[in-house]
Amino acid sequence: MTSPEKRIYRGALKAQNNPDGLSFEEFQRLMGGLGWINDHQTGSHQIWYSPNRYRVSVQNRKGRAKGYQVRQFLNRYYEENNNE
């Protein structure tokens, strides 16, 4: 496992174990590292798309990721990758 893969793996574990404890920057790195694309931003909402074109809207709340958005992202990520 390469160093970037290890960082993504550690980020995914941290997000899974404590979705409310993730910084917004960590959340963005995790989504990008797993192949999601930051398509655009409207106001405070960033719109991210999965490789299969599933859409997630995320917001930065004082430097932290919103726990429910992290859980939503992880659920969709695992759903898409367990069906392949």
C-alpha atoms as a PDB file:
ATOM      1  CA  MET A   1       0.000   0.000   0.000  1.00  0.00           C
ATOM      2  CA  THR A   2       1.441   3.364  -1.017  1.00  0.00           C
ATOM      3  CA  SER A   3       1.619   6.370   1.274  1.00  0.00           C
ATOM      4  CA  PRO A   4      -1.377   8.183  -0.340  1.00  0.00           C
ATOM      5  CA  GLU A   5      -3.424   4.973  -0.068  1.00  0.00           C
ATOM      6  CA  LYS A   6      -2.528   4.704   3.619  1.00  0.00           C
ATOM      7  CA  ARG A   7      -3.652   8.304   4.235  1.00  0.00           C
ATOM      8  CA  ILE A   8      -6.970   7.638   2.497  1.00  0.00           C
ATOM      9  CA  TYR A   9      -7.435   4.416   4.460  1.00  0.00           C
ATOM     10  CA  ARG A  10      -6.702   6.170   7.778  1.00  0.00           C
ATOM     11  CA  GLY A  11      -9.064   8.998   6.795  1.00  0.00           C
ATOM     12  CA  ALA A  12     -11.839   6.529   5.982  1.00  0.00           C
ATOM     13  CA  LEU A  13     -11.357   4.750   9.308  1.00  0.00           C
ATOM     14  CA  LYS A  14     -11.423   8.034  11.195  1.00  0.00           C
ATOM     15  CA  ALA A  15     -14.597   9.090   9.354  1.00  0.00           C
ATOM     16  CA  GLN A  16     -16.259   5.765  10.038  1.00  0.00           C
ATOM     17  CA  ASN A  17     -15.320   5.691  13.726  1.00  0.00           C
ATOM     18  CA  ASN A  18     -16.121   9.335  14.465  1.00  0.00           C
ATOM     19  CA  PRO A  19     -17.990  11.120  11.652  1.00  0.00           C
ATOM     20  CA  ASP A  20     -18.604  14.157  13.886  1.00  0.00           C
ATOM     21  CA  GLY A  21     -14.872  14.547  14.581  1.00  0.00           C
ATOM     22  CA  LEU A  22     -13.690  15.075  11.016  1.00  0.00           C
ATOM     23  CA  SER A  23     -12.345  18.418   9.902  1.00  0.00           C
ATOM     24  CA  PHE A  24     -13.805  19.741   6.663  1.00  0.00           C
ATOM     25  CA  GLU A  25     -10.374  19.626   5.041  1.00  0.00           C
ATOM     26  CA  GLU A  26      -9.986  15.938   5.986  1.00  0.00           C
ATOM     27  CA  PHE A  27     -13.448  15.247   4.577  1.00  0.00           C
ATOM     28  CA  GLN A  28     -12.584  16.935   1.279  1.00  0.00           C
ATOM     29  CA  ARG A  29      -9.298  14.985   1.022  1.00  0.00           C
ATOM     30  CA  LEU A  30     -11.145  11.745   1.736  1.00  0.00           C
ATOM     31  CA  MET A  31     -13.802  12.347  -0.915  1.00  0.00           C
ATOM     32  CA  GLY A  32     -11.214  13.402  -3.502  1.00  0.00           C
ATOM     33  CA  GLY A  33      -8.943  10.486  -2.661  1.00  0.00           C
ATOM     34  CA  LEU A  34     -11.800   8.048  -3.195  1.00  0.00           C
ATOM     35  CA  GLY A  35     -12.485   9.382  -6.671  1.00  0.00           C
ATOM     36  CA  TRP A  36     -15.290  11.849  -5.994  1.00  0.00           C
ATOM     37  CA  ILE A  37     -15.221  15.142  -7.907  1.00  0.00           C
ATOM     38  CA  ASN A  38     -15.934  18.593  -6.460  1.00  0.00           C
ATOM     39  CA  ASP A  39     -18.145  19.836  -9.285  1.00  0.00           C
ATOM     40  CA  HIS A  40     -19.061  23.310  -8.071  1.00  0.00           C
ATOM     41  CA  GLN A  41     -19.989  25.444  -5.098  1.00  0.00           C
ATOM     42  CA  THR A  42     -23.161  27.483  -4.636  1.00  0.00           C
ATOM     43  CA  GLY A  43     -23.015  29.658  -1.540  1.00  0.00           C
ATOM     44  CA  SER A  44     -21.812  27.464   1.314  1.00  0.00           C
ATOM     45  CA  HIS A  45     -22.756  24.205  -0.453  1.00  0.00           C
ATOM     46  CA  GLN A  46     -20.114  22.209  -2.293  1.00  0.00           C
ATOM     47  CA  ILE A  47     -21.527  19.704  -4.755  1.00  0.00           C
ATOM     48  CA  TRP A  48     -19.542  16.485  -5.080  1.00  0.00           C
ATOM     49  CA  TYR A  49     -20.186  13.625  -7.509  1.00  0.00           C
ATOM     50  CA  SER A  50     -19.178  10.000  -7.260  1.00  0.00           C
ATOM     51  CA  PRO A  51     -17.665   8.198 -10.256  1.00  0.00           C
ATOM     52  CA  ASN A  52     -21.186   6.782 -10.802  1.00  0.00           C
ATOM     53  CA  ARG A  53     -22.646  10.330 -10.742  1.00  0.00           C
ATOM     54  CA  TYR A  54     -24.300  10.168  -7.313  1.00  0.00           C
ATOM     55  CA  ARG A  55     -24.548  13.720  -5.903  1.00  0.00           C
ATOM     56  CA  VAL A  56     -23.730  14.830  -2.348  1.00  0.00           C
ATOM     57  CA  SER A  57     -23.969  18.391  -1.057  1.00  0.00           C
ATOM     58  CA  VAL A  58     -21.569  19.212   1.800  1.00  0.00           C
ATOM     59  CA  GLN A  59     -20.981  22.284   3.912  1.00  0.00           C
ATOM     60  CA  ASN A  60     -18.123  23.620   5.983  1.00  0.00           C
ATOM     61  CA  ARG A  61     -19.356  24.349   9.492  1.00  0.00           C
ATOM     62  CA  LYS A  62     -16.667  26.392  11.241  1.00  0.00           C
ATOM     63  CA  GLY A  63     -13.903  24.145   9.896  1.00  0.00           C
ATOM     64  CA  ARG A  64     -15.703  20.889  10.692  1.00  0.00           C
ATOM     65  CA  ALA A  65     -17.579  18.438   8.500  1.00  0.00           C
ATOM     66  CA  LYS A  66     -21.199  17.789   9.395  1.00  0.00           C
ATOM     67  CA  GLY A  67     -21.477  14.273  10.806  1.00  0.00           C
ATOM     68  CA  TYR A  68     -24.661  13.402   8.946  1.00  0.00           C
ATOM     69  CA  GLN A  69     -23.028  14.412   5.650  1.00  0.00           C
ATOM     70  CA  VAL A  70     -19.980  12.252   6.389  1.00  0.00           C
ATOM     71  CA  ARG A  71     -22.282   9.297   7.162  1.00  0.00           C
ATOM     72  CA  GLN A  72     -24.297   9.960   3.989  1.00  0.00           C
ATOM     73  CA  PHE A  73     -21.104   9.996   1.934  1.00  0.00           C
ATOM     74  CA  LEU A  74     -19.721   6.807   3.513  1.00  0.00           C
ATOM     75  CA  ASN A  75     -23.023   4.942   3.072  1.00  0.00           C
ATOM     76  CA  ARG A  76     -23.164   5.834  -0.600  1.00  0.00           C
ATOM     77  CA  TYR A  77     -19.488   5.056  -1.139  1.00  0.00           C
ATOM     78  CA  TYR A  78     -19.805   1.583   0.422  1.00  0.00           C
ATOM     79  CA  GLU A  79     -23.061   0.927  -1.437  1.00  0.00           C
ATOM     80  CA  GLU A  80     -21.487   1.754  -4.789  1.00  0.00           C
ATOM     81  CA  ASN A  81     -18.288  -0.214  -4.152  1.00  0.00           C
ATOM     82  CA  ASN A  82     -19.859  -3.360  -2.702  1.00  0.00           C
ATOM     83  CA  ASN A  83     -22.021  -3.867  -5.799  1.00  0.00           C
ATOM     84  CA  GLU A  84     -19.058  -4.062  -8.178  1.00  0.00           C
END
